[in-house]
C-alpha atoms as a PDB file:
ATOM      1  CA  MET A   1       6.858   2.720  25.014  1.00  0.00           C
ATOM      2  CA  SER A   2       7.815   4.587  21.868  1.00  0.00           C
ATOM      3  CA  LEU A   3       5.748   4.201  18.724  1.00  0.00           C
ATOM      4  CA  LYS A   4       8.685   2.525  16.980  1.00  0.00           C
ATOM      5  CA  ALA A   5       8.969  -0.095  19.749  1.00  0.00           C
ATOM      6  CA  GLN A   6       5.209  -0.658  19.661  1.00  0.00           C
ATOM      7  CA  ILE A   7       5.361  -1.325  15.915  1.00  0.00           C
ATOM      8  CA  THR A   8       8.161  -3.873  16.433  1.00  0.00           C
ATOM      9  CA  GLU A   9       6.157  -5.651  19.150  1.00  0.00           C
ATOM     10  CA  ASP A  10       3.070  -5.701  16.913  1.00  0.00           C
ATOM     11  CA  MET A  11       5.146  -7.255  14.135  1.00  0.00           C
ATOM     12  CA  LYS A  12       6.189 -10.070  16.454  1.00  0.00           C
ATOM     13  CA  THR A  13       2.559 -10.591  17.494  1.00  0.00           C
ATOM     14  CA  ALA A  14       1.445 -10.678  13.851  1.00  0.00           C
ATOM     15  CA  MET A  15       4.153 -13.265  13.106  1.00  0.00           C
ATOM     16  CA  ARG A  16       2.968 -15.494  15.946  1.00  0.00           C
ATOM     17  CA  ALA A  17      -0.668 -15.106  14.872  1.00  0.00           C
ATOM     18  CA  LYS A  18       0.252 -15.738  11.209  1.00  0.00           C
ATOM     19  CA  ASP A  19      -1.665 -12.578  10.254  1.00  0.00           C
ATOM     20  CA  SER A  20      -0.165 -12.050   6.802  1.00  0.00           C
ATOM     21  CA  VAL A  21      -1.927  -8.756   5.979  1.00  0.00           C
ATOM     22  CA  ARG A  22      -0.919  -7.124   9.266  1.00  0.00           C
ATOM     23  CA  LEU A  23       2.608  -8.550   9.079  1.00  0.00           C
ATOM     24  CA  GLY A  24       3.158  -7.388   5.500  1.00  0.00           C
ATOM     25  CA  THR A  25       1.878  -3.901   6.235  1.00  0.00           C
ATOM     26  CA  ILE A  26       4.008  -3.526   9.358  1.00  0.00           C
ATOM     27  CA  ARG A  27       7.055  -4.701   7.398  1.00  0.00           C
ATOM     28  CA  LEU A  28       6.355  -2.028   4.756  1.00  0.00           C
ATOM     29  CA  LEU A  29       6.137   0.567   7.518  1.00  0.00           C
ATOM     30  CA  GLN A  30       9.373  -0.614   9.108  1.00  0.00           C
ATOM     31  CA  ALA A  31      11.128  -0.527   5.734  1.00  0.00           C
ATOM     32  CA  ALA A  32      10.009   3.079   5.229  1.00  0.00           C
ATOM     33  CA  MET A  33      11.196   3.980   8.735  1.00  0.00           C
ATOM     34  CA  LYS A  34      14.573   2.301   8.230  1.00  0.00           C
ATOM     35  CA  GLN A  35      14.997   4.015   4.845  1.00  0.00           C
ATOM     36  CA  LYS A  36      14.425   7.431   6.442  1.00  0.00           C
ATOM     37  CA  GLU A  37      16.888   6.636   9.248  1.00  0.00           C
ATOM     38  CA  VAL A  38      19.565   5.515   6.802  1.00  0.00           C
ATOM     39  CA  ASP A  39      19.017   8.380   4.346  1.00  0.00           C
ATOM     40  CA  GLU A  40      19.100  11.115   6.981  1.00  0.00           C
ATOM     41  CA  ARG A  41      21.366   9.357   9.506  1.00  0.00           C
ATOM     42  CA  ILE A  42      18.946  10.000  12.366  1.00  0.00           C
ATOM     43  CA  GLU A  43      17.043   8.042  14.978  1.00  0.00           C
ATOM     44  CA  LEU A  44      13.309   8.472  14.387  1.00  0.00           C
ATOM     45  CA  ASP A  45      11.140   9.860  17.155  1.00  0.00           C
ATOM     46  CA  ASP A  46       7.352   9.496  17.386  1.00  0.00           C
ATOM     47  CA  VAL A  47       6.696  12.682  15.382  1.00  0.00           C
ATOM     48  CA  ALA A  48       8.831  11.421  12.476  1.00  0.00           C
ATOM     49  CA  VAL A  49       7.125   8.008  12.572  1.00  0.00           C
ATOM     50  CA  ILE A  50       3.708   9.717  12.459  1.00  0.00           C
ATOM     51  CA  ALA A  51       4.852  11.735   9.423  1.00  0.00           C
ATOM     52  CA  ILE A  52       5.814   8.481   7.678  1.00  0.00           C
ATOM     53  CA  LEU A  53       2.443   6.969   8.628  1.00  0.00           C
ATOM     54  CA  ASP A  54       0.636  10.000   7.187  1.00  0.00           C
ATOM     55  CA  LYS A  55       2.570   9.631   3.935  1.00  0.00           C
ATOM     56  CA  LEU A  56       1.829   5.902   3.648  1.00  0.00           C
ATOM     57  CA  ILE A  57      -1.864   6.423   4.414  1.00  0.00           C
ATOM     58  CA  LYS A  58      -2.090   9.178   1.782  1.00  0.00           C
ATOM     59  CA  GLN A  59      -0.525   6.782  -0.742  1.00  0.00           C
ATOM     60  CA  ARG A  60      -3.136   4.156   0.167  1.00  0.00           C
ATOM     61  CA  LYS A  61      -5.982   6.669  -0.260  1.00  0.00           C
ATOM     62  CA  ASP A  62      -4.683   7.668  -3.692  1.00  0.00           C
ATOM     63  CA  SER A  63      -4.354   4.012  -4.714  1.00  0.00           C
ATOM     64  CA  ILE A  64      -7.856   3.190  -3.493  1.00  0.00           C
ATOM     65  CA  ALA A  65      -9.314   6.027  -5.569  1.00  0.00           C
ATOM     66  CA  ALA A  66      -7.380   4.892  -8.657  1.00  0.00           C
ATOM     67  CA  TYR A  67      -8.388   1.246  -8.245  1.00  0.00           C
ATOM     68  CA  GLN A  68     -12.036   2.086  -7.678  1.00  0.00           C
ATOM     69  CA  SER A  69     -12.162   4.326 -10.740  1.00  0.00           C
ATOM     70  CA  ALA A  70     -10.710   1.416 -12.749  1.00  0.00           C
ATOM     71  CA  GLN A  71     -13.293  -0.969 -11.250  1.00  0.00           C
ATOM     72  CA  ARG A  72     -10.620  -3.060  -9.499  1.00  0.00           C
ATOM     73  CA  GLN A  73     -12.290  -3.500  -6.128  1.00  0.00           C
ATOM     74  CA  ASP A  74     -10.104  -6.529  -5.364  1.00  0.00           C
ATOM     75  CA  LEU A  75      -6.986  -4.337  -5.379  1.00  0.00           C
ATOM     76  CA  ALA A  76      -8.785  -1.528  -3.545  1.00  0.00           C
ATOM     77  CA  ASP A  77      -9.732  -3.970  -0.771  1.00  0.00           C
ATOM     78  CA  VAL A  78      -6.054  -4.845  -0.238  1.00  0.00           C
ATOM     79  CA  GLU A  79      -5.191  -1.140   0.095  1.00  0.00           C
ATOM     80  CA  ILE A  80      -8.135  -0.577   2.464  1.00  0.00           C
ATOM     81  CA  ALA A  81      -6.911  -3.421   4.696  1.00  0.00           C
ATOM     82  CA  GLU A  82      -3.379  -1.984   4.748  1.00  0.00           C
ATOM     83  CA  MET A  83      -4.698   1.482   5.537  1.00  0.00           C
ATOM     84  CA  ALA A  84      -6.681   0.095   8.492  1.00  0.00           C
ATOM     85  CA  VAL A  85      -3.504  -1.461   9.910  1.00  0.00           C
ATOM     86  CA  LEU A  86      -1.557   1.798   9.519  1.00  0.00           C
ATOM     87  CA  GLU A  87      -4.275   3.982  11.059  1.00  0.00           C
ATOM     88  CA  VAL A  88      -4.001   2.071  14.340  1.00  0.00           C
ATOM     89  CA  TYR A  89      -0.679   3.810  15.028  1.00  0.00           C
ATOM     90  CA  LEU A  90      -1.935   7.353  14.486  1.00  0.00           C
ATOM     91  CA  PRO A  91      -2.909   9.437  17.503  1.00  0.00           C
ATOM     92  CA  LYS A  92      -6.532  10.520  17.871  1.00  0.00           C
ATOM     93  CA  ARG A  93      -7.233  13.087  15.176  1.00  0.00           C
ATOM     94  CA  LEU A  94      -8.763  16.499  15.778  1.00  0.00           C
ATOM     95  CA  SER A  95     -12.295  17.119  14.520  1.00  0.00           C
ATOM     96  CA  GLU A  96     -12.998  19.738  11.860  1.00  0.00           C
ATOM     97  CA  GLN A  97     -14.251  22.195  14.495  1.00  0.00           C
ATOM     98  CA  GLU A  98     -11.124  21.681  16.620  1.00  0.00           C
ATOM     99  CA  ILE A  99      -8.939  22.243  13.557  1.00  0.00           C
ATOM    100  CA  GLN A 100     -10.765  25.480  12.731  1.00  0.00           C
ATOM    101  CA  ALA A 101     -10.383  26.693  16.329  1.00  0.00           C
ATOM    102  CA  GLU A 102      -6.638  25.928  16.348  1.00  0.00           C
ATOM    103  CA  VAL A 103      -6.151  27.615  12.962  1.00  0.00           C
ATOM    104  CA  ALA A 104      -8.055  30.708  14.107  1.00  0.00           C
ATOM    105  CA  ALA A 105      -5.866  30.924  17.217  1.00  0.00           C
ATOM    106  CA  ILE A 106      -2.670  30.554  15.173  1.00  0.00           C
ATOM    107  CA  VAL A 107      -3.811  33.188  12.647  1.00  0.00           C
ATOM    108  CA  ALA A 108      -4.408  35.581  15.535  1.00  0.00           C
ATOM    109  CA  GLU A 109      -1.020  34.769  17.136  1.00  0.00           C
ATOM    110  CA  VAL A 110       0.898  35.230  13.892  1.00  0.00           C
ATOM    111  CA  GLY A 111      -1.065  38.360  12.978  1.00  0.00           C
ATOM    112  CA  ALA A 112      -1.889  37.117   9.482  1.00  0.00           C
ATOM    113  CA  LYS A 113      -4.032  39.466   7.403  1.00  0.00           C
ATOM    114  CA  GLY A 114      -4.585  37.742   4.083  1.00  0.00           C
ATOM    115  CA  ALA A 115      -3.621  35.029   1.619  1.00  0.00           C
ATOM    116  CA  GLY A 116      -0.082  36.425   1.396  1.00  0.00           C
ATOM    117  CA  ASP A 117       0.539  35.218   4.946  1.00  0.00           C
ATOM    118  CA  MET A 118      -0.410  31.606   4.140  1.00  0.00           C
ATOM    119  CA  GLY A 119       3.189  30.338   4.313  1.00  0.00           C
ATOM    120  CA  LYS A 120       3.782  31.918   7.709  1.00  0.00           C
ATOM    121  CA  VAL A 121       0.538  30.447   9.092  1.00  0.00           C
ATOM    122  CA  MET A 122       1.141  26.977   7.588  1.00  0.00           C
ATOM    123  CA  GLY A 123       4.618  26.883   9.141  1.00  0.00           C
ATOM    124  CA  ALA A 124       3.172  27.518  12.597  1.00  0.00           C
ATOM    125  CA  VAL A 125       0.258  25.151  12.006  1.00  0.00           C
ATOM    126  CA  LYS A 126       2.500  22.278  10.884  1.00  0.00           C
ATOM    127  CA  THR A 127       4.589  22.447  14.039  1.00  0.00           C
ATOM    128  CA  ARG A 128       1.566  22.579  16.335  1.00  0.00           C
ATOM    129  CA  LEU A 129      -0.760  20.106  14.581  1.00  0.00           C
ATOM    130  CA  ALA A 130       1.746  17.626  13.116  1.00  0.00           C
ATOM    131  CA  GLY A 131       0.282  14.153  13.488  1.00  0.00           C
ATOM    132  CA  LYS A 132      -2.845  15.444  15.202  1.00  0.00           C
ATOM    133  CA  ALA A 133      -4.830  16.431  12.126  1.00  0.00           C
ATOM    134  CA  ASP A 134      -5.239  15.637   8.444  1.00  0.00           C
ATOM    135  CA  MET A 135      -3.131  18.310   6.731  1.00  0.00           C
ATOM    136  CA  GLY A 136      -5.590  18.492   3.825  1.00  0.00           C
ATOM    137  CA  LEU A 137      -8.302  19.673   6.230  1.00  0.00           C
ATOM    138  CA  VAL A 138      -5.819  21.986   7.944  1.00  0.00           C
ATOM    139  CA  SER A 139      -4.847  23.618   4.651  1.00  0.00           C
ATOM    140  CA  ALA A 140      -8.505  24.175   3.752  1.00  0.00           C
ATOM    141  CA  ALA A 141      -9.150  25.683   7.184  1.00  0.00           C
ATOM    142  CA  VAL A 142      -6.175  28.051   6.806  1.00  0.00           C
ATOM    143  CA  LYS A 143      -7.381  29.169   3.367  1.00  0.00           C
ATOM    144  CA  ALA A 144     -10.870  29.795   4.742  1.00  0.00           C
ATOM    145  CA  ALA A 145      -9.542  31.696   7.765  1.00  0.00           C
ATOM    146  CA  LEU A 146      -7.326  33.935   5.621  1.00  0.00           C
ATOM    147  CA  ALA A 147     -10.045  34.542   3.014  1.00  0.00           C
ATOM    148  CA  GLY A 148     -12.638  35.612   5.581  1.00  0.00           C
END
């Protein structure tokens, strides 16, 4: 079953269970998916859905940090709950060591020598690790690999 179909089934389950937090979050996700399909006139595959999930989770993390710095834990808790619902749909993420190993292999394959090759390495890394790793950690690993 595709990720998109799984999300639709989970929405129906949340409706039956009257789980308002889960239902609302899944509806936000579906709206974002539909918007991308309409804007680009494409049918989303699992990789594109994971990219949307990553974007929504990053937005939640940013909101949580802003709410906590403003001492609005009530609003941060809502974002944390939404983020937990969204993270269910992500594939298992690579550990930091696995990310570093993948980056080192890609740097060797591409033949990158220094920081000037960062764009070339990031292009290869994004295609190979899309949806499998937090891109913030990946970027840091690439910088470290090219610096040393």
